[in-house]
Amino acid sequence: MSTVINKELHITMPDGSVWAVPVQLIATNRADYYAKEFGGDISRSLAEDTLPLFHMDDFEIEDWAINNMNWSDVQHAARCVSAAGDVDYQEGWVNGDKSVEVAK
């Protein structure tokens, strides 16, 4: 499952810039949400539920991020992988093109 943790969600913003968000951050967010189903244990939620789900299908990563997180949740960990300009990052986070790739 470590291959999931080494991935990034790449988001193309309205200005054409591309931003990378660590999948680990997205996975931890989901595991925290579902921890109640694992006796409050985020580590178990991550290991037994979120990581297997994210490993099976990259779409699950994108789906969780878009529908359950905001740009403000990931902005601190995002890094620009191509030139940036004046951007509405929330708009890009919700509607930008996305792909899951191996982290560099």
C-alpha atoms as a PDB file:
ATOM      1  CA  MET A   1       0.000   0.000   0.000  1.00  0.00           C
ATOM      2  CA  SER A   2       3.003   2.309   0.249  1.00  0.00           C
ATOM      3  CA  THR A   3       2.544   3.088  -3.452  1.00  0.00           C
ATOM      4  CA  VAL A   4      -0.569   5.066  -2.523  1.00  0.00           C
ATOM      5  CA  ILE A   5       1.361   7.137   0.005  1.00  0.00           C
ATOM      6  CA  ASN A   6       4.030   7.972  -2.592  1.00  0.00           C
ATOM      7  CA  LYS A   7       1.456   9.463  -4.934  1.00  0.00           C
ATOM      8  CA  GLU A   8       0.272  13.020  -5.447  1.00  0.00           C
ATOM      9  CA  LEU A   9      -3.000  14.361  -6.759  1.00  0.00           C
ATOM     10  CA  HIS A  10      -2.133  16.822  -9.551  1.00  0.00           C
ATOM     11  CA  ILE A  11      -4.630  19.616 -10.139  1.00  0.00           C
ATOM     12  CA  THR A  12      -4.611  21.930 -13.140  1.00  0.00           C
ATOM     13  CA  MET A  13      -5.768  25.359 -12.050  1.00  0.00           C
ATOM     14  CA  PRO A  14      -7.665  27.846 -14.236  1.00  0.00           C
ATOM     15  CA  ASP A  15      -4.428  29.674 -15.114  1.00  0.00           C
ATOM     16  CA  GLY A  16      -2.882  26.435 -16.399  1.00  0.00           C
ATOM     17  CA  SER A  17      -0.590  25.959 -13.408  1.00  0.00           C
ATOM     18  CA  VAL A  18      -0.390  22.451 -11.981  1.00  0.00           C
ATOM     19  CA  TRP A  19      -0.328  21.819  -8.235  1.00  0.00           C
ATOM     20  CA  ALA A  20       0.579  18.568  -6.476  1.00  0.00           C
ATOM     21  CA  VAL A  21      -1.135  17.519  -3.244  1.00  0.00           C
ATOM     22  CA  PRO A  22       0.237  14.517  -1.328  1.00  0.00           C
ATOM     23  CA  VAL A  23      -2.225  11.612  -1.352  1.00  0.00           C
ATOM     24  CA  GLN A  24      -1.109  10.942   2.229  1.00  0.00           C
ATOM     25  CA  LEU A  25      -2.888  14.151   3.285  1.00  0.00           C
ATOM     26  CA  ILE A  26      -6.089  13.123   1.497  1.00  0.00           C
ATOM     27  CA  ALA A  27      -5.885   9.596   2.936  1.00  0.00           C
ATOM     28  CA  THR A  28      -5.396  10.900   6.468  1.00  0.00           C
ATOM     29  CA  ASN A  29      -8.389  13.206   6.069  1.00  0.00           C
ATOM     30  CA  ARG A  30     -10.589  10.277   5.022  1.00  0.00           C
ATOM     31  CA  ALA A  31      -9.222   7.962   7.719  1.00  0.00           C
ATOM     32  CA  ASP A  32      -9.929  10.613  10.357  1.00  0.00           C
ATOM     33  CA  TYR A  33     -13.523  10.888   9.138  1.00  0.00           C
ATOM     34  CA  TYR A  34     -14.105   7.117   9.291  1.00  0.00           C
ATOM     35  CA  ALA A  35     -12.097   6.495  12.480  1.00  0.00           C
ATOM     36  CA  LYS A  36     -15.357   6.325  14.450  1.00  0.00           C
ATOM     37  CA  GLU A  37     -16.027   3.015  12.677  1.00  0.00           C
ATOM     38  CA  PHE A  38     -12.694   1.735  14.023  1.00  0.00           C
ATOM     39  CA  GLY A  39     -13.140   2.687  17.668  1.00  0.00           C
ATOM     40  CA  GLY A  40     -11.648   6.112  17.028  1.00  0.00           C
ATOM     41  CA  ASP A  41      -8.379   4.584  15.782  1.00  0.00           C
ATOM     42  CA  ILE A  42      -7.209   6.656  12.794  1.00  0.00           C
ATOM     43  CA  SER A  43      -4.302   4.280  12.104  1.00  0.00           C
ATOM     44  CA  ARG A  44      -6.653   1.297  11.792  1.00  0.00           C
ATOM     45  CA  SER A  45      -9.048   3.293   9.644  1.00  0.00           C
ATOM     46  CA  LEU A  46      -6.155   4.224   7.377  1.00  0.00           C
ATOM     47  CA  ALA A  47      -4.658   0.725   7.185  1.00  0.00           C
ATOM     48  CA  GLU A  48      -7.842  -1.324   6.983  1.00  0.00           C
ATOM     49  CA  ASP A  49     -10.129   0.950   4.971  1.00  0.00           C
ATOM     50  CA  THR A  50      -8.692   4.033   3.284  1.00  0.00           C
ATOM     51  CA  LEU A  51      -5.376   2.714   1.950  1.00  0.00           C
ATOM     52  CA  PRO A  52      -6.902  -0.452   0.422  1.00  0.00           C
ATOM     53  CA  LEU A  53      -9.646   1.666  -1.184  1.00  0.00           C
ATOM     54  CA  PHE A  54      -7.189   4.214  -2.567  1.00  0.00           C
ATOM     55  CA  HIS A  55      -4.880   1.425  -3.751  1.00  0.00           C
ATOM     56  CA  MET A  56      -7.685  -0.242  -5.757  1.00  0.00           C
ATOM     57  CA  ASP A  57      -8.790   2.861  -7.649  1.00  0.00           C
ATOM     58  CA  ASP A  58      -7.182   6.286  -8.126  1.00  0.00           C
ATOM     59  CA  PHE A  59     -10.661   7.700  -8.740  1.00  0.00           C
ATOM     60  CA  GLU A  60     -11.433   7.144  -5.044  1.00  0.00           C
ATOM     61  CA  ILE A  61      -8.596   9.543  -4.153  1.00  0.00           C
ATOM     62  CA  GLU A  62      -9.914  12.239  -6.458  1.00  0.00           C
ATOM     63  CA  ASP A  63     -13.527  11.645  -5.424  1.00  0.00           C
ATOM     64  CA  TRP A  64     -12.785  11.982  -1.705  1.00  0.00           C
ATOM     65  CA  ALA A  65     -10.681  15.094  -2.234  1.00  0.00           C
ATOM     66  CA  ILE A  66     -13.204  16.902  -4.404  1.00  0.00           C
ATOM     67  CA  ASN A  67     -16.324  16.025  -2.451  1.00  0.00           C
ATOM     68  CA  ASN A  68     -14.998  16.209   1.107  1.00  0.00           C
ATOM     69  CA  MET A  69     -12.110  18.667   1.167  1.00  0.00           C
ATOM     70  CA  ASN A  70     -11.481  22.277   0.202  1.00  0.00           C
ATOM     71  CA  TRP A  71      -8.416  23.961  -1.240  1.00  0.00           C
ATOM     72  CA  SER A  72      -7.866  25.512   2.197  1.00  0.00           C
ATOM     73  CA  ASP A  73      -7.489  21.974   3.606  1.00  0.00           C
ATOM     74  CA  VAL A  74      -4.581  21.149   1.309  1.00  0.00           C
ATOM     75  CA  GLN A  75      -3.058  24.508   0.424  1.00  0.00           C
ATOM     76  CA  HIS A  76      -0.358  24.260   3.106  1.00  0.00           C
ATOM     77  CA  ALA A  77       0.949  20.996   1.616  1.00  0.00           C
ATOM     78  CA  ALA A  78       0.403  21.739  -2.085  1.00  0.00           C
ATOM     79  CA  ARG A  79       3.353  22.551  -4.291  1.00  0.00           C
ATOM     80  CA  CYS A  80       3.375  24.123  -7.702  1.00  0.00           C
ATOM     81  CA  VAL A  81       4.806  21.826 -10.378  1.00  0.00           C
ATOM     82  CA  SER A  82       4.359  24.384 -13.162  1.00  0.00           C
ATOM     83  CA  ALA A  83       4.123  28.189 -13.397  1.00  0.00           C
ATOM     84  CA  ALA A  84       1.366  29.930 -11.411  1.00  0.00           C
ATOM     85  CA  GLY A  85      -0.488  33.195 -11.840  1.00  0.00           C
ATOM     86  CA  ASP A  86      -3.494  34.911 -10.262  1.00  0.00           C
ATOM     87  CA  VAL A  87      -5.775  31.977  -9.553  1.00  0.00           C
ATOM     88  CA  ASP A  88      -9.029  31.138  -7.828  1.00  0.00           C
ATOM     89  CA  TYR A  89      -7.631  28.051  -6.130  1.00  0.00           C
ATOM     90  CA  GLN A  90     -10.994  26.909  -4.765  1.00  0.00           C
ATOM     91  CA  GLU A  91     -12.384  26.895  -8.313  1.00  0.00           C
ATOM     92  CA  GLY A  92      -9.378  24.927  -9.508  1.00  0.00           C
ATOM     93  CA  TRP A  93      -9.597  22.494  -6.618  1.00  0.00           C
ATOM     94  CA  VAL A  94     -13.214  21.674  -7.430  1.00  0.00           C
ATOM     95  CA  ASN A  95     -13.194  21.852 -11.240  1.00  0.00           C
ATOM     96  CA  GLY A  96      -9.556  21.565 -12.368  1.00  0.00           C
ATOM     97  CA  ASP A  97      -8.285  18.545 -14.291  1.00  0.00           C
ATOM     98  CA  LYS A  98      -6.857  15.962 -11.903  1.00  0.00           C
ATOM     99  CA  SER A  99      -4.571  12.939 -12.075  1.00  0.00           C
ATOM    100  CA  VAL A 100      -2.898  10.743  -9.464  1.00  0.00           C
ATOM    101  CA  GLU A 101       0.827  10.257 -10.045  1.00  0.00           C
ATOM    102  CA  VAL A 102       3.865   8.858  -8.268  1.00  0.00           C
ATOM    103  CA  ALA A 103       5.459  11.575  -6.073  1.00  0.00           C
ATOM    104  CA  LYS A 104       8.826  12.929  -7.177  1.00  0.00           C
END
